Amino acid sequence: MAIQKYNFYAKTNINNKFLEYWTDLDLPIESKYLETVIIENRFTNRPDLMSYYYYNTPRYLWIFKYLNPGKIKNPIYDFIAGKEIKIYKSSYINTVL
């Protein structure tokens, strides 16, 4: 099993060469783990910068798409200033990933 911090495929099995079918991380989408934020101008088309701002790593940018599938279809070009999205609280993410 591929266990690596920051890895979206952390629970996905690996054979000798390839990843197997993706296994969901099963992160809860409960309000006690979430907060609502509005994307600022400085983060337009830059989910990596917003990930770094909130989680101290650019590697968690997939969280924004994961939590907002109806608002963010394209994780780069749908990431525009003024859009209200849900994100995980950093205190929660640091304990589970």
PDB file of N, CA and C in Angstrom:
ATOM      1  N   MET A   1       0.843  -1.179   0.000  1.00  0.00           N
ATOM      2  CA  MET A   1       0.000   0.000   0.000  1.00  0.00           C
ATOM      3  C   MET A   1       0.887   1.241   0.000  1.00  0.00           C
ATOM      4  N   ALA A   2       0.506   2.233  -0.768  1.00  0.00           N
ATOM      5  CA  ALA A   2       1.286   3.470  -0.877  1.00  0.00           C
ATOM      6  C   ALA A   2       0.915   4.409   0.250  1.00  0.00           C
ATOM      7  N   ILE A   3       1.705   4.438   1.280  1.00  0.00           N
ATOM      8  CA  ILE A   3       1.445   5.336   2.395  1.00  0.00           C
ATOM      9  C   ILE A   3       2.487   6.446   2.344  1.00  0.00           C
ATOM     10  N   GLN A   4       2.026   7.640   2.082  1.00  0.00           N
ATOM     11  CA  GLN A   4       2.928   8.771   1.980  1.00  0.00           C
ATOM     12  C   GLN A   4       2.141  10.024   2.314  1.00  0.00           C
ATOM     13  N   LYS A   5       2.675  10.845   3.172  1.00  0.00           N
ATOM     14  CA  LYS A   5       2.000  12.094   3.516  1.00  0.00           C
ATOM     15  C   LYS A   5       1.810  12.938   2.272  1.00  0.00           C
ATOM     16  N   TYR A   6       0.715  13.617   2.163  1.00  0.00           N
ATOM     17  CA  TYR A   6       0.323  14.483   1.057  1.00  0.00           C
ATOM     18  C   TYR A   6      -0.209  13.714  -0.150  1.00  0.00           C
ATOM     19  N   ASN A   7      -0.185  12.419  -0.131  1.00  0.00           N
ATOM     20  CA  ASN A   7      -0.537  11.648  -1.313  1.00  0.00           C
ATOM     21  C   ASN A   7      -2.030  11.396  -1.372  1.00  0.00           C
ATOM     22  N   PHE A   8      -2.662  11.859  -2.450  1.00  0.00           N
ATOM     23  CA  PHE A   8      -4.093  11.644  -2.656  1.00  0.00           C
ATOM     24  C   PHE A   8      -4.397  10.159  -2.871  1.00  0.00           C
ATOM     25  N   TYR A   9      -3.397   9.399  -3.249  1.00  0.00           N
ATOM     26  CA  TYR A   9      -3.552   7.964  -3.500  1.00  0.00           C
ATOM     27  C   TYR A   9      -3.050   7.130  -2.326  1.00  0.00           C
ATOM     28  N   ALA A  10      -3.045   7.684  -1.141  1.00  0.00           N
ATOM     29  CA  ALA A  10      -2.449   7.025   0.021  1.00  0.00           C
ATOM     30  C   ALA A  10      -3.049   5.658   0.321  1.00  0.00           C
ATOM     31  N   LYS A  11      -4.315   5.443   0.025  1.00  0.00           N
ATOM     32  CA  LYS A  11      -4.941   4.153   0.315  1.00  0.00           C
ATOM     33  C   LYS A  11      -5.068   3.265  -0.919  1.00  0.00           C
ATOM     34  N   THR A  12      -4.463   3.669  -2.019  1.00  0.00           N
ATOM     35  CA  THR A  12      -4.533   2.905  -3.261  1.00  0.00           C
ATOM     36  C   THR A  12      -3.379   1.913  -3.324  1.00  0.00           C
ATOM     37  N   ASN A  13      -3.700   0.661  -3.613  1.00  0.00           N
ATOM     38  CA  ASN A  13      -2.677  -0.378  -3.704  1.00  0.00           C
ATOM     39  C   ASN A  13      -1.782  -0.176  -4.918  1.00  0.00           C
ATOM     40  N   ILE A  14      -0.564  -0.702  -4.804  1.00  0.00           N
ATOM     41  CA  ILE A  14       0.405  -0.639  -5.896  1.00  0.00           C
ATOM     42  C   ILE A  14       0.845  -2.066  -6.208  1.00  0.00           C
ATOM     43  N   ASN A  15       0.882  -2.425  -7.501  1.00  0.00           N
ATOM     44  CA  ASN A  15       1.485  -3.700  -7.866  1.00  0.00           C
ATOM     45  C   ASN A  15       2.953  -3.438  -8.180  1.00  0.00           C
ATOM     46  N   ASN A  16       3.619  -4.304  -8.909  1.00  0.00           N
ATOM     47  CA  ASN A  16       5.051  -4.129  -9.180  1.00  0.00           C
ATOM     48  C   ASN A  16       5.377  -2.848  -9.929  1.00  0.00           C
ATOM     49  N   LYS A  17       4.449  -2.354 -10.745  1.00  0.00           N
ATOM     50  CA  LYS A  17       4.736  -1.196 -11.579  1.00  0.00           C
ATOM     51  C   LYS A  17       3.736  -0.058 -11.462  1.00  0.00           C
ATOM     52  N   PHE A  18       2.479  -0.374 -11.227  1.00  0.00           N
ATOM     53  CA  PHE A  18       1.429   0.615 -11.369  1.00  0.00           C
ATOM     54  C   PHE A  18       0.557   0.720 -10.126  1.00  0.00           C
ATOM     55  N   LEU A  19      -0.140   1.861 -10.040  1.00  0.00           N
ATOM     56  CA  LEU A  19      -1.196   1.995  -9.038  1.00  0.00           C
ATOM     57  C   LEU A  19      -2.394   1.165  -9.476  1.00  0.00           C
ATOM     58  N   GLU A  20      -3.058   0.564  -8.537  1.00  0.00           N
ATOM     59  CA  GLU A  20      -4.291  -0.157  -8.829  1.00  0.00           C
ATOM     60  C   GLU A  20      -5.425   0.864  -8.932  1.00  0.00           C
ATOM     61  N   TYR A  21      -6.659   0.402  -8.979  1.00  0.00           N
ATOM     62  CA  TYR A  21      -7.787   1.328  -9.014  1.00  0.00           C
ATOM     63  C   TYR A  21      -7.774   2.198  -7.765  1.00  0.00           C
ATOM     64  N   TRP A  22      -8.118   3.462  -7.961  1.00  0.00           N
ATOM     65  CA  TRP A  22      -8.069   4.436  -6.881  1.00  0.00           C
ATOM     66  C   TRP A  22      -9.029   4.066  -5.753  1.00  0.00           C
ATOM     67  N   THR A  23      -8.565   4.211  -4.525  1.00  0.00           N
ATOM     68  CA  THR A  23      -9.379   3.994  -3.333  1.00  0.00           C
ATOM     69  C   THR A  23      -9.598   5.345  -2.664  1.00  0.00           C
ATOM     70  N   ASP A  24     -10.863   5.693  -2.464  1.00  0.00           N
ATOM     71  CA  ASP A  24     -11.208   6.982  -1.865  1.00  0.00           C
ATOM     72  C   ASP A  24     -10.649   7.087  -0.454  1.00  0.00           C
ATOM     73  N   LEU A  25     -10.275   8.280  -0.061  1.00  0.00           N
ATOM     74  CA  LEU A  25      -9.764   8.516   1.281  1.00  0.00           C
ATOM     75  C   LEU A  25     -10.854   8.514   2.337  1.00  0.00           C
ATOM     76  N   ASP A  26     -12.101   8.645   1.926  1.00  0.00           N
ATOM     77  CA  ASP A  26     -13.238   8.663   2.857  1.00  0.00           C
ATOM     78  C   ASP A  26     -13.119   9.752   3.919  1.00  0.00           C
ATOM     79  N   LEU A  27     -12.748  10.923   3.499  1.00  0.00           N
ATOM     80  CA  LEU A  27     -12.714  12.048   4.432  1.00  0.00           C
ATOM     81  C   LEU A  27     -14.136  12.538   4.664  1.00  0.00           C
ATOM     82  N   PRO A  28     -14.504  12.801   5.897  1.00  0.00           N
ATOM     83  CA  PRO A  28     -15.867  13.237   6.185  1.00  0.00           C
ATOM     84  C   PRO A  28     -16.143  14.638   5.649  1.00  0.00           C
ATOM     85  N   ILE A  29     -17.398  14.852   5.288  1.00  0.00           N
ATOM     86  CA  ILE A  29     -17.811  16.178   4.827  1.00  0.00           C
ATOM     87  C   ILE A  29     -18.850  16.701   5.812  1.00  0.00           C
ATOM     88  N   GLU A  30     -18.448  16.774   7.061  1.00  0.00           N
ATOM     89  CA  GLU A  30     -19.310  17.260   8.129  1.00  0.00           C
ATOM     90  C   GLU A  30     -18.890  18.685   8.482  1.00  0.00           C
ATOM     91  N   SER A  31     -19.860  19.489   8.838  1.00  0.00           N
ATOM     92  CA  SER A  31     -19.599  20.910   9.073  1.00  0.00           C
ATOM     93  C   SER A  31     -18.601  21.167  10.203  1.00  0.00           C
ATOM     94  N   LYS A  32     -18.475  20.260  11.152  1.00  0.00           N
ATOM     95  CA  LYS A  32     -17.535  20.507  12.251  1.00  0.00           C
ATOM     96  C   LYS A  32     -16.073  20.452  11.789  1.00  0.00           C
ATOM     97  N   TYR A  33     -15.814  19.858  10.625  1.00  0.00           N
ATOM     98  CA  TYR A  33     -14.464  19.792  10.078  1.00  0.00           C
ATOM     99  C   TYR A  33     -14.211  20.844   8.999  1.00  0.00           C
ATOM    100  N   LEU A  34     -15.245  21.595   8.636  1.00  0.00           N
ATOM    101  CA  LEU A  34     -15.162  22.509   7.502  1.00  0.00           C
ATOM    102  C   LEU A  34     -15.264  23.966   7.921  1.00  0.00           C
ATOM    103  N   GLU A  35     -14.769  24.820   7.047  1.00  0.00           N
ATOM    104  CA  GLU A  35     -15.005  26.247   7.166  1.00  0.00           C
ATOM    105  C   GLU A  35     -15.267  26.794   5.767  1.00  0.00           C
ATOM    106  N   THR A  36     -15.987  27.884   5.705  1.00  0.00           N
ATOM    107  CA  THR A  36     -16.295  28.529   4.429  1.00  0.00           C
ATOM    108  C   THR A  36     -15.366  29.713   4.247  1.00  0.00           C
ATOM    109  N   VAL A  37     -14.758  29.787   3.070  1.00  0.00           N
ATOM    110  CA  VAL A  37     -13.863  30.907   2.760  1.00  0.00           C
ATOM    111  C   VAL A  37     -14.230  31.453   1.383  1.00  0.00           C
ATOM    112  N   ILE A  38     -13.816  32.672   1.137  1.00  0.00           N
ATOM    113  CA  ILE A  38     -13.987  33.292  -0.175  1.00  0.00           C
ATOM    114  C   ILE A  38     -12.603  33.402  -0.799  1.00  0.00           C
ATOM    115  N   ILE A  39     -12.474  32.931  -2.027  1.00  0.00           N
ATOM    116  CA  ILE A  39     -11.192  32.965  -2.720  1.00  0.00           C
ATOM    117  C   ILE A  39     -10.782  34.423  -2.936  1.00  0.00           C
ATOM    118  N   GLU A  40      -9.592  34.767  -2.490  1.00  0.00           N
ATOM    119  CA  GLU A  40      -9.073  36.129  -2.632  1.00  0.00           C
ATOM    120  C   GLU A  40      -8.439  36.310  -4.006  1.00  0.00           C
ATOM    121  N   ASN A  41      -8.272  37.573  -4.409  1.00  0.00           N
ATOM    122  CA  ASN A  41      -7.654  37.894  -5.704  1.00  0.00           C
ATOM    123  C   ASN A  41      -6.297  37.227  -5.886  1.00  0.00           C
ATOM    124  N   ARG A  42      -5.503  37.207  -4.843  1.00  0.00           N
ATOM    125  CA  ARG A  42      -4.153  36.651  -4.963  1.00  0.00           C
ATOM    126  C   ARG A  42      -4.132  35.148  -5.221  1.00  0.00           C
ATOM    127  N   PHE A  43      -5.280  34.476  -5.018  1.00  0.00           N
ATOM    128  CA  PHE A  43      -5.349  33.040  -5.250  1.00  0.00           C
ATOM    129  C   PHE A  43      -6.063  32.675  -6.558  1.00  0.00           C
ATOM    130  N   THR A  44      -6.456  33.661  -7.357  1.00  0.00           N
ATOM    131  CA  THR A  44      -7.126  33.382  -8.629  1.00  0.00           C
ATOM    132  C   THR A  44      -6.237  32.495  -9.494  1.00  0.00           C
ATOM    133  N   ASN A  45      -6.801  31.369  -9.946  1.00  0.00           N
ATOM    134  CA  ASN A  45      -6.107  30.363 -10.766  1.00  0.00           C
ATOM    135  C   ASN A  45      -4.884  29.759 -10.077  1.00  0.00           C
ATOM    136  N   ARG A  46      -4.796  29.885  -8.768  1.00  0.00           N
ATOM    137  CA  ARG A  46      -3.643  29.369  -8.025  1.00  0.00           C
ATOM    138  C   ARG A  46      -4.079  28.618  -6.766  1.00  0.00           C
ATOM    139  N   PRO A  47      -4.751  27.477  -6.919  1.00  0.00           N
ATOM    140  CA  PRO A  47      -5.131  26.706  -5.734  1.00  0.00           C
ATOM    141  C   PRO A  47      -3.917  26.220  -4.941  1.00  0.00           C
ATOM    142  N   ASP A  48      -2.771  26.092  -5.595  1.00  0.00           N
ATOM    143  CA  ASP A  48      -1.560  25.685  -4.887  1.00  0.00           C
ATOM    144  C   ASP A  48      -1.141  26.728  -3.847  1.00  0.00           C
ATOM    145  N   LEU A  49      -1.275  28.007  -4.199  1.00  0.00           N
ATOM    146  CA  LEU A  49      -0.933  29.069  -3.249  1.00  0.00           C
ATOM    147  C   LEU A  49      -1.909  29.100  -2.073  1.00  0.00           C
ATOM    148  N   MET A  50      -3.178  28.875  -2.363  1.00  0.00           N
ATOM    149  CA  MET A  50      -4.177  28.866  -1.290  1.00  0.00           C
ATOM    150  C   MET A  50      -3.955  27.652  -0.380  1.00  0.00           C
ATOM    151  N   SER A  51      -3.596  26.529  -0.973  1.00  0.00           N
ATOM    152  CA  SER A  51      -3.275  25.346  -0.184  1.00  0.00           C
ATOM    153  C   SER A  51      -2.088  25.627   0.735  1.00  0.00           C
ATOM    154  N   TYR A  52      -1.090  26.283   0.205  1.00  0.00           N
ATOM    155  CA  TYR A  52       0.074  26.622   1.025  1.00  0.00           C
ATOM    156  C   TYR A  52      -0.304  27.590   2.147  1.00  0.00           C
ATOM    157  N   TYR A  53      -1.161  28.542   1.835  1.00  0.00           N
ATOM    158  CA  TYR A  53      -1.592  29.523   2.834  1.00  0.00           C
ATOM    159  C   TYR A  53      -2.329  28.844   3.997  1.00  0.00           C
ATOM    160  N   TYR A  54      -3.241  27.927   3.687  1.00  0.00           N
ATOM    161  CA  TYR A  54      -4.050  27.306   4.735  1.00  0.00           C
ATOM    162  C   TYR A  54      -3.407  26.066   5.356  1.00  0.00           C
ATOM    163  N   TYR A  55      -2.646  25.298   4.567  1.00  0.00           N
ATOM    164  CA  TYR A  55      -2.149  24.001   5.044  1.00  0.00           C
ATOM    165  C   TYR A  55      -0.621  23.885   5.062  1.00  0.00           C
ATOM    166  N   ASN A  56       0.083  24.943   4.721  1.00  0.00           N
ATOM    167  CA  ASN A  56       1.554  24.956   4.697  1.00  0.00           C
ATOM    168  C   ASN A  56       2.160  23.959   3.711  1.00  0.00           C
ATOM    169  N   THR A  57       1.412  23.592   2.696  1.00  0.00           N
ATOM    170  CA  THR A  57       1.918  22.761   1.603  1.00  0.00           C
ATOM    171  C   THR A  57       1.057  23.010   0.371  1.00  0.00           C
ATOM    172  N   PRO A  58       1.664  23.082  -0.805  1.00  0.00           N
ATOM    173  CA  PRO A  58       0.870  23.238  -2.030  1.00  0.00           C
ATOM    174  C   PRO A  58       0.233  21.930  -2.475  1.00  0.00           C
ATOM    175  N   ARG A  59       0.576  20.834  -1.826  1.00  0.00           N
ATOM    176  CA  ARG A  59       0.121  19.513  -2.257  1.00  0.00           C
ATOM    177  C   ARG A  59      -1.309  19.174  -1.880  1.00  0.00           C
ATOM    178  N   TYR A  60      -1.952  20.000  -1.089  1.00  0.00           N
ATOM    179  CA  TYR A  60      -3.342  19.738  -0.708  1.00  0.00           C
ATOM    180  C   TYR A  60      -4.329  20.494  -1.584  1.00  0.00           C
ATOM    181  N   LEU A  61      -3.917  20.963  -2.729  1.00  0.00           N
ATOM    182  CA  LEU A  61      -4.828  21.719  -3.593  1.00  0.00           C
ATOM    183  C   LEU A  61      -6.023  20.894  -4.045  1.00  0.00           C
ATOM    184  N   TRP A  62      -5.918  19.572  -4.066  1.00  0.00           N
ATOM    185  CA  TRP A  62      -7.032  18.699  -4.459  1.00  0.00           C
ATOM    186  C   TRP A  62      -8.207  18.794  -3.491  1.00  0.00           C
ATOM    187  N   ILE A  63      -7.972  19.260  -2.268  1.00  0.00           N
ATOM    188  CA  ILE A  63      -9.045  19.369  -1.271  1.00  0.00           C
ATOM    189  C   ILE A  63     -10.150  20.301  -1.751  1.00  0.00           C
ATOM    190  N   PHE A  64      -9.780  21.371  -2.444  1.00  0.00           N
ATOM    191  CA  PHE A  64     -10.778  22.353  -2.876  1.00  0.00           C
ATOM    192  C   PHE A  64     -11.754  21.738  -3.883  1.00  0.00           C
ATOM    193  N   LYS A  65     -11.250  20.958  -4.801  1.00  0.00           N
ATOM    194  CA  LYS A  65     -12.112  20.269  -5.781  1.00  0.00           C
ATOM    195  C   LYS A  65     -12.916  19.176  -5.091  1.00  0.00           C
ATOM    196  N   TYR A  66     -12.293  18.453  -4.184  1.00  0.00           N
ATOM    197  CA  TYR A  66     -12.929  17.354  -3.458  1.00  0.00           C
ATOM    198  C   TYR A  66     -14.162  17.832  -2.688  1.00  0.00           C
ATOM    199  N   LEU A  67     -14.065  18.987  -2.059  1.00  0.00           N
ATOM    200  CA  LEU A  67     -15.161  19.502  -1.242  1.00  0.00           C
ATOM    201  C   LEU A  67     -16.172  20.345  -2.014  1.00  0.00           C
ATOM    202  N   ASN A  68     -15.822  20.788  -3.212  1.00  0.00           N
ATOM    203  CA  ASN A  68     -16.677  21.701  -3.975  1.00  0.00           C
ATOM    204  C   ASN A  68     -16.862  21.234  -5.419  1.00  0.00           C
ATOM    205  N   PRO A  69     -17.329  20.001  -5.626  1.00  0.00           N
ATOM    206  CA  PRO A  69     -17.433  19.499  -7.005  1.00  0.00           C
ATOM    207  C   PRO A  69     -18.435  20.269  -7.854  1.00  0.00           C
ATOM    208  N   GLY A  70     -19.436  20.873  -7.253  1.00  0.00           N
ATOM    209  CA  GLY A  70     -20.419  21.643  -8.006  1.00  0.00           C
ATOM    210  C   GLY A  70     -19.945  23.045  -8.368  1.00  0.00           C
ATOM    211  N   LYS A  71     -18.969  23.547  -7.643  1.00  0.00           N
ATOM    212  CA  LYS A  71     -18.473  24.910  -7.874  1.00  0.00           C
ATOM    213  C   LYS A  71     -17.150  24.932  -8.633  1.00  0.00           C
ATOM    214  N   ILE A  72     -16.369  23.866  -8.488  1.00  0.00           N
ATOM    215  CA  ILE A  72     -15.054  23.822  -9.123  1.00  0.00           C
ATOM    216  C   ILE A  72     -14.991  22.596 -10.027  1.00  0.00           C
ATOM    217  N   LYS A  73     -15.244  22.803 -11.299  1.00  0.00           N
ATOM    218  CA  LYS A  73     -15.129  21.720 -12.290  1.00  0.00           C
ATOM    219  C   LYS A  73     -13.679  21.609 -12.749  1.00  0.00           C
ATOM    220  N   ASN A  74     -13.090  22.747 -13.117  1.00  0.00           N
ATOM    221  CA  ASN A  74     -11.685  22.804 -13.513  1.00  0.00           C
ATOM    222  C   ASN A  74     -10.926  23.390 -12.329  1.00  0.00           C
ATOM    223  N   PRO A  75     -10.025  22.628 -11.723  1.00  0.00           N
ATOM    224  CA  PRO A  75      -9.384  23.091 -10.496  1.00  0.00           C
ATOM    225  C   PRO A  75      -8.478  24.314 -10.652  1.00  0.00           C
ATOM    226  N   ILE A  76      -8.165  24.699 -11.869  1.00  0.00           N
ATOM    227  CA  ILE A  76      -7.356  25.897 -12.077  1.00  0.00           C
ATOM    228  C   ILE A  76      -8.232  27.078 -12.500  1.00  0.00           C
ATOM    229  N   TYR A  77      -8.932  26.915 -13.595  1.00  0.00           N
ATOM    230  CA  TYR A  77      -9.655  28.050 -14.190  1.00  0.00           C
ATOM    231  C   TYR A  77     -10.987  28.365 -13.516  1.00  0.00           C
ATOM    232  N   ASP A  78     -11.525  27.461 -12.720  1.00  0.00           N
ATOM    233  CA  ASP A  78     -12.725  27.766 -11.935  1.00  0.00           C
ATOM    234  C   ASP A  78     -12.366  28.329 -10.566  1.00  0.00           C
ATOM    235  N   PHE A  79     -11.106  28.472 -10.297  1.00  0.00           N
ATOM    236  CA  PHE A  79     -10.622  28.984  -9.024  1.00  0.00           C
ATOM    237  C   PHE A  79     -10.461  30.491  -9.144  1.00  0.00           C
ATOM    238  N   ILE A  80     -11.575  31.208  -8.974  1.00  0.00           N
ATOM    239  CA  ILE A  80     -11.593  32.645  -9.228  1.00  0.00           C
ATOM    240  C   ILE A  80     -11.953  33.432  -7.970  1.00  0.00           C
ATOM    241  N   ALA A  81     -11.466  34.656  -7.911  1.00  0.00           N
ATOM    242  CA  ALA A  81     -11.702  35.530  -6.761  1.00  0.00           C
ATOM    243  C   ALA A  81     -13.197  35.769  -6.568  1.00  0.00           C
ATOM    244  N   GLY A  82     -13.598  35.786  -5.312  1.00  0.00           N
ATOM    245  CA  GLY A  82     -14.979  36.054  -4.963  1.00  0.00           C
ATOM    246  C   GLY A  82     -15.837  34.814  -4.810  1.00  0.00           C
ATOM    247  N   LYS A  83     -15.345  33.663  -5.246  1.00  0.00           N
ATOM    248  CA  LYS A  83     -16.114  32.416  -5.137  1.00  0.00           C
ATOM    249  C   LYS A  83     -16.029  31.903  -3.706  1.00  0.00           C
ATOM    250  N   GLU A  84     -17.180  31.550  -3.152  1.00  0.00           N
ATOM    251  CA  GLU A  84     -17.240  31.021  -1.795  1.00  0.00           C
ATOM    252  C   GLU A  84     -17.135  29.502  -1.866  1.00  0.00           C
ATOM    253  N   ILE A  85     -16.172  28.936  -1.126  1.00  0.00           N
ATOM    254  CA  ILE A  85     -15.972  27.490  -1.138  1.00  0.00           C
ATOM    255  C   ILE A  85     -15.806  26.960   0.278  1.00  0.00           C
ATOM    256  N   LYS A  86     -15.951  25.666   0.415  1.00  0.00           N
ATOM    257  CA  LYS A  86     -15.702  24.975   1.676  1.00  0.00           C
ATOM    258  C   LYS A  86     -14.289  24.427   1.660  1.00  0.00           C
ATOM    259  N   ILE A  87     -13.616  24.497   2.795  1.00  0.00           N
ATOM    260  CA  ILE A  87     -12.310  23.877   2.949  1.00  0.00           C
ATOM    261  C   ILE A  87     -12.276  23.173   4.308  1.00  0.00           C
ATOM    262  N   TYR A  88     -11.345  22.231   4.449  1.00  0.00           N
ATOM    263  CA  TYR A  88     -11.152  21.609   5.756  1.00  0.00           C
ATOM    264  C   TYR A  88     -10.393  22.566   6.667  1.00  0.00           C
ATOM    265  N   LYS A  89     -10.721  22.527   7.923  1.00  0.00           N
ATOM    266  CA  LYS A  89      -9.953  23.285   8.915  1.00  0.00           C
ATOM    267  C   LYS A  89      -8.547  22.699   8.955  1.00  0.00           C
ATOM    268  N   SER A  90      -7.559  23.551   9.040  1.00  0.00           N
ATOM    269  CA  SER A  90      -6.177  23.068   9.039  1.00  0.00           C
ATOM    270  C   SER A  90      -5.890  22.161  10.239  1.00  0.00           C
ATOM    271  N   SER A  91      -6.529  22.429  11.356  1.00  0.00           N
ATOM    272  CA  SER A  91      -6.331  21.584  12.538  1.00  0.00           C
ATOM    273  C   SER A  91      -6.802  20.147  12.280  1.00  0.00           C
ATOM    274  N   TYR A  92      -7.856  19.999  11.493  1.00  0.00           N
ATOM    275  CA  TYR A  92      -8.360  18.664  11.163  1.00  0.00           C
ATOM    276  C   TYR A  92      -7.438  17.975  10.147  1.00  0.00           C
ATOM    277  N   ILE A  93      -7.085  18.666   9.077  1.00  0.00           N
ATOM    278  CA  ILE A  93      -6.255  18.070   8.021  1.00  0.00           C
ATOM    279  C   ILE A  93      -4.909  17.615   8.579  1.00  0.00           C
ATOM    280  N   ASN A  94      -4.332  18.385   9.467  1.00  0.00           N
ATOM    281  CA  ASN A  94      -3.029  18.023  10.023  1.00  0.00           C
ATOM    282  C   ASN A  94      -3.089  16.758  10.870  1.00  0.00           C
ATOM    283  N   THR A  95      -4.269  16.374  11.331  1.00  0.00           N
ATOM    284  CA  THR A  95      -4.385  15.143  12.128  1.00  0.00           C
ATOM    285  C   THR A  95      -4.684  13.922  11.267  1.00  0.00           C
ATOM    286  N   VAL A  96      -5.274  14.088  10.094  1.00  0.00           N
ATOM    287  CA  VAL A  96      -5.681  12.920   9.292  1.00  0.00           C
ATOM    288  C   VAL A  96      -4.785  12.645   8.102  1.00  0.00           C
ATOM    289  N   LEU A  97      -4.047  13.617   7.619  1.00  0.00           N
ATOM    290  CA  LEU A  97      -3.167  13.382   6.467  1.00  0.00           C
ATOM    291  C   LEU A  97      -1.714  13.477   6.855  1.00  0.00           C
TER     292      LEU A  97
END
